[in-house]
N, C-alpha and C. Protein backbone atom coordinates (compact mmCIF):
# COMPACT_ATOMS: atom_id res chain seq x y z
N MET A 1 0.85 -1.21 0.05
CA MET A 1 -0.05 0.03 -0.02
C MET A 1 0.78 1.24 0.02
N PRO A 2 0.46 2.23 -0.83
CA PRO A 2 1.40 3.42 -0.80
C PRO A 2 1.01 4.35 0.35
N ILE A 3 2.02 5.20 0.64
CA ILE A 3 1.79 6.18 1.78
C ILE A 3 1.82 7.52 1.06
N TYR A 4 0.72 8.20 1.50
CA TYR A 4 0.39 9.47 0.81
C TYR A 4 0.56 10.60 1.92
N ALA A 5 1.15 11.72 1.50
CA ALA A 5 1.51 12.93 2.32
C ALA A 5 0.26 13.89 2.16
N TYR A 6 -0.25 14.33 3.41
CA TYR A 6 -1.33 15.24 3.44
C TYR A 6 -0.97 16.44 4.32
N LYS A 7 -1.55 17.60 3.98
CA LYS A 7 -1.41 18.86 4.66
C LYS A 7 -2.66 19.51 4.81
N CYS A 8 -2.83 20.01 6.09
CA CYS A 8 -4.01 20.92 6.22
C CYS A 8 -3.69 22.35 5.91
N GLU A 9 -4.46 23.07 4.88
CA GLU A 9 -4.15 24.35 4.46
C GLU A 9 -4.58 25.28 5.52
N SER A 10 -5.44 24.94 6.52
CA SER A 10 -5.81 25.81 7.47
C SER A 10 -4.82 25.89 8.75
N CYS A 11 -4.34 24.89 9.37
CA CYS A 11 -3.48 24.78 10.25
C CYS A 11 -2.05 24.54 10.05
N GLY A 12 -1.91 23.97 8.93
CA GLY A 12 -0.46 23.53 8.59
C GLY A 12 -0.07 22.24 9.12
N HIS A 13 -0.95 21.40 9.65
CA HIS A 13 -0.70 20.05 10.16
C HIS A 13 -0.41 19.22 8.86
N ARG A 14 0.77 18.48 9.04
CA ARG A 14 1.15 17.54 8.04
C ARG A 14 1.20 16.08 8.57
N GLN A 15 0.73 15.20 7.79
CA GLN A 15 0.56 13.72 8.11
C GLN A 15 0.84 12.71 6.93
N ASP A 16 1.64 11.68 7.09
CA ASP A 16 1.74 10.67 6.23
C ASP A 16 0.67 9.50 6.44
N VAL A 17 0.03 9.10 5.45
CA VAL A 17 -1.14 8.20 5.71
C VAL A 17 -1.07 6.99 4.69
N LEU A 18 -0.96 5.72 5.27
CA LEU A 18 -0.88 4.45 4.67
C LEU A 18 -2.30 4.22 4.09
N GLN A 19 -2.51 4.30 2.85
CA GLN A 19 -3.92 3.98 2.24
C GLN A 19 -3.76 3.04 1.02
N LYS A 20 -4.80 2.49 0.64
CA LYS A 20 -4.98 1.70 -0.48
C LYS A 20 -5.30 2.72 -1.64
N VAL A 21 -4.93 2.26 -2.86
CA VAL A 21 -5.29 3.35 -4.13
C VAL A 21 -6.59 3.40 -4.17
N SER A 22 -7.41 2.39 -3.76
CA SER A 22 -8.97 2.64 -3.94
C SER A 22 -9.57 3.47 -2.81
N ASP A 23 -8.82 3.66 -1.71
CA ASP A 23 -9.39 4.43 -0.61
C ASP A 23 -9.78 5.92 -0.98
N PRO A 24 -10.90 6.44 -0.42
CA PRO A 24 -11.10 7.81 -0.72
C PRO A 24 -10.19 8.74 -0.22
N VAL A 25 -10.02 9.93 -0.87
CA VAL A 25 -9.06 10.98 -0.47
C VAL A 25 -9.59 11.47 0.89
N LEU A 26 -8.59 11.70 1.91
CA LEU A 26 -9.10 12.25 3.17
C LEU A 26 -9.28 13.75 2.98
N SER A 27 -10.28 14.36 3.67
CA SER A 27 -10.56 15.82 3.62
C SER A 27 -10.51 16.59 4.98
N ILE A 28 -10.85 15.80 5.99
CA ILE A 28 -11.03 16.38 7.36
C ILE A 28 -9.62 16.32 8.01
N CYS A 29 -9.11 17.49 8.49
CA CYS A 29 -7.83 17.39 9.33
C CYS A 29 -8.02 16.77 10.69
N PRO A 30 -7.14 15.77 10.97
CA PRO A 30 -7.21 15.19 12.38
C PRO A 30 -6.75 16.16 13.59
N ALA A 31 -6.16 17.25 13.16
CA ALA A 31 -5.67 18.09 14.27
C ALA A 31 -6.76 19.28 14.57
N CYS A 32 -7.28 19.97 13.41
CA CYS A 32 -8.08 21.10 13.71
C CYS A 32 -9.57 20.70 13.42
N GLY A 33 -9.81 19.70 12.52
CA GLY A 33 -11.21 19.40 12.17
C GLY A 33 -11.64 20.12 10.88
N ALA A 34 -10.90 20.98 10.34
CA ALA A 34 -11.30 21.80 9.10
C ALA A 34 -11.34 20.84 7.89
N SER A 35 -12.03 21.24 7.02
CA SER A 35 -12.21 20.41 5.82
C SER A 35 -11.16 20.84 4.76
N SER A 36 -9.85 21.12 5.21
CA SER A 36 -8.92 21.57 4.08
C SER A 36 -7.79 20.75 4.16
N PHE A 37 -7.92 19.47 4.43
CA PHE A 37 -6.84 18.44 4.44
C PHE A 37 -6.74 18.01 3.03
N VAL A 38 -5.60 18.28 2.32
CA VAL A 38 -5.41 17.71 0.95
C VAL A 38 -4.12 16.98 0.85
N LYS A 39 -4.28 16.25 -0.32
CA LYS A 39 -3.07 15.30 -0.54
C LYS A 39 -2.03 16.03 -1.27
N GLN A 40 -0.74 15.85 -0.77
CA GLN A 40 0.31 16.51 -1.38
C GLN A 40 0.91 15.83 -2.59
N LEU A 41 1.47 16.50 -3.56
CA LEU A 41 2.25 15.73 -4.73
C LEU A 41 3.60 15.50 -4.09
N THR A 42 4.00 14.34 -4.15
CA THR A 42 5.28 14.04 -3.73
C THR A 42 5.94 13.08 -4.66
N ALA A 43 7.26 12.93 -4.58
CA ALA A 43 8.11 12.08 -5.45
C ALA A 43 7.81 10.60 -5.12
N ALA A 44 7.74 9.75 -6.00
CA ALA A 44 7.46 8.34 -5.89
C ALA A 44 8.82 7.85 -5.38
N GLY A 45 8.57 6.97 -4.36
CA GLY A 45 9.82 6.20 -3.78
C GLY A 45 9.65 4.73 -4.12
N PHE A 46 10.28 4.29 -5.09
CA PHE A 46 10.20 2.86 -5.42
C PHE A 46 11.65 2.39 -5.86
N GLN A 47 11.76 1.09 -5.95
CA GLN A 47 12.90 0.51 -6.28
C GLN A 47 12.69 -0.58 -7.26
N LEU A 48 13.34 -0.76 -8.34
CA LEU A 48 13.21 -1.74 -9.45
C LEU A 48 13.91 -2.94 -8.90
N LYS A 49 13.18 -4.04 -8.89
CA LYS A 49 13.85 -5.28 -8.42
C LYS A 49 13.49 -6.43 -9.38
N GLY A 50 14.40 -7.29 -9.52
CA GLY A 50 14.17 -8.52 -10.40
C GLY A 50 15.50 -8.74 -11.21
N SER A 51 15.27 -9.67 -12.12
CA SER A 51 16.36 -10.13 -12.88
C SER A 51 16.82 -9.17 -13.94
N GLY A 52 15.75 -8.25 -14.43
CA GLY A 52 15.97 -7.59 -15.59
C GLY A 52 16.45 -6.06 -15.27
N TRP A 53 16.59 -5.73 -13.91
CA TRP A 53 16.96 -4.43 -13.55
C TRP A 53 18.24 -4.34 -12.92
N TYR A 54 19.01 -3.41 -13.02
CA TYR A 54 20.40 -3.28 -12.34
C TYR A 54 20.47 -1.90 -11.68
N ALA A 55 21.07 -1.72 -10.73
CA ALA A 55 21.29 -0.45 -9.94
C ALA A 55 22.11 0.40 -10.91
N THR A 56 22.96 -0.06 -11.78
CA THR A 56 23.73 0.80 -12.54
C THR A 56 23.11 1.12 -13.91
N ASP A 57 21.95 0.76 -14.28
CA ASP A 57 21.26 1.13 -15.51
C ASP A 57 21.04 2.67 -15.57
N PHE A 58 20.69 3.21 -14.43
CA PHE A 58 20.34 4.61 -14.57
C PHE A 58 21.30 5.58 -13.82
N ARG A 59 22.45 5.14 -13.40
CA ARG A 59 23.20 6.02 -12.63
C ARG A 59 24.63 6.32 -13.34
N GLY A 60 24.57 6.10 -14.68
CA GLY A 60 25.79 6.47 -15.49
C GLY A 60 26.93 5.55 -15.33
N GLY A 61 26.72 4.46 -14.78
CA GLY A 61 27.95 3.43 -14.51
C GLY A 61 27.80 2.50 -15.77
N THR A 62 28.74 1.71 -15.68
CA THR A 62 28.91 0.56 -16.91
C THR A 62 27.77 -0.33 -16.80
N PRO A 63 27.03 -0.41 -18.00
CA PRO A 63 25.84 -1.24 -17.95
C PRO A 63 26.37 -2.69 -17.60
N ALA A 64 25.45 -3.39 -16.78
CA ALA A 64 25.72 -4.82 -16.38
C ALA A 64 25.15 -5.73 -17.57
N ALA A 65 25.73 -6.75 -17.81
CA ALA A 65 25.32 -7.79 -18.70
C ALA A 65 24.17 -8.56 -17.93
N PRO A 66 23.14 -8.91 -18.62
CA PRO A 66 22.00 -9.64 -18.05
C PRO A 66 22.48 -11.07 -17.75
N ASP A 67 21.89 -11.67 -16.66
CA ASP A 67 22.19 -13.00 -16.35
C ASP A 67 21.38 -13.96 -17.40
N LYS A 68 22.17 -14.66 -18.02
CA LYS A 68 21.54 -15.60 -18.93
C LYS A 68 21.95 -17.02 -18.59
N PRO A 69 20.96 -17.89 -18.48
CA PRO A 69 21.15 -19.30 -18.16
C PRO A 69 22.11 -19.88 -19.36
N ASP A 70 22.82 -21.04 -19.00
CA ASP A 70 23.67 -21.62 -19.92
C ASP A 70 22.78 -22.13 -21.12
N SER A 71 22.97 -22.06 -22.31
CA SER A 71 22.12 -22.65 -23.43
C SER A 71 22.32 -24.10 -23.42
N LYS A 72 23.58 -24.60 -23.07
CA LYS A 72 23.87 -25.94 -23.09
C LYS A 72 23.46 -26.70 -21.83
N PRO A 73 23.04 -27.97 -21.94
CA PRO A 73 22.62 -28.75 -20.73
C PRO A 73 23.99 -28.92 -19.79
N ALA A 74 23.81 -29.10 -18.54
CA ALA A 74 24.97 -29.15 -17.59
C ALA A 74 26.02 -30.27 -17.87
N ASP A 75 25.31 -31.29 -18.50
CA ASP A 75 26.30 -32.60 -18.74
C ASP A 75 27.22 -32.46 -20.04
N THR A 76 26.94 -31.50 -20.89
CA THR A 76 27.66 -31.28 -22.10
C THR A 76 28.47 -30.09 -22.09
N ALA A 77 28.41 -29.31 -20.91
CA ALA A 77 28.99 -27.99 -20.81
C ALA A 77 30.56 -28.20 -20.83
N ALA A 78 31.37 -27.54 -21.39
CA ALA A 78 32.82 -27.71 -21.32
C ALA A 78 33.20 -27.00 -20.01
N PRO A 79 34.40 -27.57 -19.32
CA PRO A 79 34.79 -27.12 -18.04
C PRO A 79 35.32 -25.74 -18.23
N ALA A 80 35.33 -24.89 -17.15
CA ALA A 80 35.85 -23.51 -17.25
C ALA A 80 37.27 -23.51 -17.60
N THR A 81 38.11 -24.30 -17.05
CA THR A 81 39.53 -24.37 -17.18
C THR A 81 39.92 -26.01 -17.36
N ALA A 82 40.98 -26.07 -18.28
CA ALA A 82 41.32 -27.49 -18.57
C ALA A 82 42.29 -27.85 -17.43
N PRO A 83 42.31 -29.09 -17.13
CA PRO A 83 43.34 -29.61 -16.06
C PRO A 83 44.69 -29.31 -16.49
N ALA A 84 45.58 -29.09 -15.61
CA ALA A 84 47.02 -28.78 -15.89
C ALA A 84 47.76 -29.91 -16.65
N ALA A 85 47.43 -31.29 -16.40
CA ALA A 85 48.00 -32.20 -17.13
C ALA A 85 47.62 -32.34 -18.46
N ALA A 86 46.54 -31.88 -18.96
CA ALA A 86 46.07 -32.00 -20.31
C ALA A 86 46.43 -31.01 -21.22
N THR A 87 47.10 -29.92 -20.63
CA THR A 87 47.43 -28.71 -21.46
C THR A 87 48.96 -28.97 -22.03
N PRO A 88 49.29 -28.91 -23.29
CA PRO A 88 50.70 -29.20 -23.61
C PRO A 88 51.57 -28.06 -23.27
N ALA A 89 52.84 -28.35 -23.16
CA ALA A 89 53.88 -27.30 -22.79
C ALA A 89 54.23 -26.62 -23.92
N ALA A 90 53.83 -25.27 -24.32
CA ALA A 90 53.93 -24.60 -25.38
C ALA A 90 55.24 -23.79 -25.28
N ALA A 91 55.53 -23.30 -24.03
CA ALA A 91 56.72 -22.47 -23.91
C ALA A 91 57.68 -23.14 -22.97
N PRO A 92 58.94 -22.80 -23.13
CA PRO A 92 59.99 -23.45 -22.28
C PRO A 92 59.82 -22.88 -20.78
N ALA A 93 60.30 -23.58 -19.84
CA ALA A 93 60.18 -22.95 -18.33
C ALA A 93 61.06 -21.91 -18.28
N ALA A 94 60.86 -21.05 -17.37
CA ALA A 94 61.52 -19.78 -17.13
C ALA A 94 63.09 -20.06 -16.96
N SER A 95 63.46 -21.19 -16.29
CA SER A 95 64.66 -21.37 -16.04
C SER A 95 65.56 -21.90 -17.32
N GLU A 96 64.92 -22.38 -18.25
CA GLU A 96 65.60 -22.75 -19.55
C GLU A 96 65.72 -21.71 -20.54
N LYS A 97 66.88 -21.66 -21.18
CA LYS A 97 67.09 -20.59 -22.12
C LYS A 97 66.81 -21.12 -23.44
N PRO A 98 66.14 -20.22 -24.46
CA PRO A 98 65.83 -20.65 -25.61
C PRO A 98 67.16 -20.95 -26.49
N ARG A 99 67.09 -21.95 -27.45
CA ARG A 99 68.16 -22.40 -28.17
C ARG A 99 68.00 -21.49 -29.53
N PRO A 100 69.25 -21.13 -29.94
CA PRO A 100 69.36 -20.38 -31.25
C PRO A 100 69.06 -21.37 -32.35
N PRO A 101 68.45 -20.80 -33.48
CA PRO A 101 68.12 -21.76 -34.56
C PRO A 101 69.33 -22.26 -35.20
N THR A 102 69.41 -23.39 -35.62
CA THR A 102 70.52 -24.04 -36.34
C THR A 102 70.31 -24.15 -37.72
N SER A 103 71.35 -23.96 -38.53
CA SER A 103 71.17 -24.07 -39.97
C SER A 103 71.96 -25.32 -40.26
N GLU A 104 71.27 -26.26 -40.96
CA GLU A 104 72.00 -27.45 -41.44
C GLU A 104 72.43 -27.41 -42.91
N ALA A 105 73.79 -27.64 -43.13
CA ALA A 105 74.27 -27.56 -44.41
C ALA A 105 74.10 -28.98 -45.10
N ALA A 106 73.60 -29.12 -46.13
CA ALA A 106 73.31 -30.48 -46.75
C ALA A 106 74.46 -30.70 -47.76
């Protein structure tokens, strides 16, 4: 239920009232009893939540990528990193010096 701000134009009494949208607008001031209790126009206070909204979307930050489930089933998905034993040694170890190329004369 939304909270509405009311103000009495006669005595200046202010009050926030929790009301349903379908409830009638209050008109009688609870402080002085005058019929000049009016609803104030205030900024809406809401927060977007859920999988499609991000806090950075409207703050000038880097847009976040939406969370997407894997399109592959879990049993066929490739592992994130290959095991160390399965990767070939492409570069020599740091302690080894590279050998200069040799030219063979035939």
